[in-house]
Each structure stands twice: as C-alpha cells, then as structure tokens.
Amino acid sequence: MNIFKTFETFLKEPLSILRENFIQIVSVQTGNIFANKPSVDVSLMKDKTQITVVNNEKLYNLLSLVTNRAKSKQNKQKEVQESETA
C-alpha cells in the first residue's frame, strides 16, 4: 500500500465533506498482529466521518496529525476573516 496514493485519494473528496462533518479517528490494536493484518476502514455517516485504523499505530498518528493541522489551519483562516470584517 502506497500511503501517498491513499492521501491523494482522501484529498480528492469534496472538502465540504471533510470540513462540515466531524472526523473521528479510532485506533484498534489486537493481540495477535500476525493473525490480524493492518487495515483501514472509512465510514461516512450523515454528520460524522469515522476512520478506523487496525494494527497500524504509525498511520493512526499520521492521520491524527494531518487532521489536527487542518483544523488548526481552518481556525486561523476563520480568525483572519473575522478580523478583516471587523
């Protein structure tokens, strides 16, 4: 699996889906890592998007970091827009 291709696919989604919905990232670690291969599941619901990462802590940390940076950037843009209109 090429992680960069995964992000390209993720970023191709309309940004309104990502901005207007709550994104929840869940990490699940199972006991026998050889019996249960790492996987990722994305569930799009009406008001929430849940990304479940199984047995892949590095990917979970990467997705969490990207999500937090995007939220921070969005908040800064809102603050700039509000200060410009005031």
Protein backbone atom coordinates (compact mmCIF):
# COMPACT_ATOMS: atom_id res chain seq x y z
CA MET A 1 0.00 0.00 0.00
CA ASN A 2 1.39 3.38 -1.00
CA ILE A 3 0.50 5.86 1.74
CA PHE A 4 0.87 8.84 -0.59
CA LYS A 5 -1.69 7.41 -3.03
CA THR A 6 -4.04 6.89 -0.08
CA PHE A 7 -3.75 10.58 0.87
CA GLU A 8 -4.26 11.62 -2.75
CA THR A 9 -7.50 9.66 -2.81
CA PHE A 10 -8.53 11.08 0.57
CA LEU A 11 -7.83 14.65 -0.57
CA LYS A 12 -9.83 14.21 -3.79
CA GLU A 13 -13.04 14.02 -1.74
CA PRO A 14 -15.02 17.26 -1.76
CA LEU A 15 -13.62 19.42 1.02
CA SER A 16 -17.13 20.19 2.23
CA ILE A 17 -17.44 16.56 3.35
CA LEU A 18 -14.31 16.96 5.46
CA ARG A 19 -14.99 20.49 6.71
CA GLU A 20 -18.68 20.20 7.50
CA ASN A 21 -18.56 16.82 9.18
CA PHE A 22 -16.99 15.73 12.42
CA ILE A 23 -13.99 13.47 11.75
CA GLN A 24 -13.24 10.79 14.30
CA ILE A 25 -10.09 8.69 14.03
CA VAL A 26 -10.01 5.45 16.00
CA SER A 27 -7.05 3.13 16.56
CA VAL A 28 -7.62 -0.53 17.36
CA GLN A 29 -4.72 -2.75 18.42
CA THR A 30 -5.29 -6.50 18.55
CA GLY A 31 -3.24 -9.07 20.39
CA ASN A 32 -2.06 -11.28 17.54
CA ILE A 33 -0.66 -8.93 14.92
CA PHE A 34 0.15 -11.82 12.54
CA ALA A 35 -3.40 -13.18 12.52
CA ASN A 36 -4.97 -9.75 12.02
CA LYS A 37 -3.31 -7.74 9.28
CA PRO A 38 -3.28 -3.94 9.43
CA SER A 39 -6.31 -2.35 7.81
CA VAL A 40 -8.16 0.94 7.44
CA ASP A 41 -11.92 1.39 7.26
CA VAL A 42 -13.65 4.69 6.46
CA SER A 43 -17.32 5.14 7.31
CA LEU A 44 -19.15 8.22 6.02
CA MET A 45 -22.26 8.94 8.06
CA LYS A 46 -24.64 11.88 7.93
CA ASP A 47 -22.86 14.09 10.47
CA LYS A 48 -19.63 12.22 11.04
CA THR A 49 -16.78 10.50 9.26
CA GLN A 50 -15.03 7.75 11.18
CA ILE A 51 -11.67 6.35 10.16
CA THR A 52 -10.80 3.11 11.95
CA VAL A 53 -7.15 2.05 11.80
CA VAL A 54 -6.42 -1.52 12.90
CA ASN A 55 -2.91 -2.57 13.99
CA ASN A 56 -1.13 0.40 12.44
CA GLU A 57 -0.20 3.00 15.05
CA LYS A 58 2.03 4.95 12.65
CA LEU A 59 -0.85 5.51 10.21
CA TYR A 60 -3.16 6.46 13.09
CA ASN A 61 -0.64 9.04 14.31
CA LEU A 62 -0.17 10.40 10.79
CA LEU A 63 -3.92 10.76 10.18
CA SER A 64 -4.39 12.40 13.58
CA LEU A 65 -1.58 14.85 12.87
CA VAL A 66 -2.97 15.76 9.44
CA THR A 67 -6.48 16.23 10.86
CA ASN A 68 -5.25 18.41 13.72
CA ARG A 69 -3.16 20.57 11.38
CA ALA A 70 -6.10 21.01 9.01
CA LYS A 71 -8.40 22.05 11.88
CA SER A 72 -5.78 24.47 13.18
CA LYS A 73 -5.30 25.99 9.73
CA GLN A 74 -9.06 26.34 9.28
CA ASN A 75 -9.42 28.06 12.67
CA LYS A 76 -6.63 30.51 11.81
CA GLN A 77 -8.31 31.32 8.48
CA LYS A 78 -11.61 31.98 10.28
CA GLU A 79 -9.85 34.30 12.73
CA VAL A 80 -8.23 36.23 9.88
CA GLN A 81 -11.55 36.57 8.05
CA GLU A 82 -13.30 37.75 11.21
CA SER A 83 -10.60 40.33 11.93
CA GLU A 84 -10.79 41.63 8.34
CA THR A 85 -14.58 42.10 8.51
CA ALA A 86 -14.43 43.81 11.91
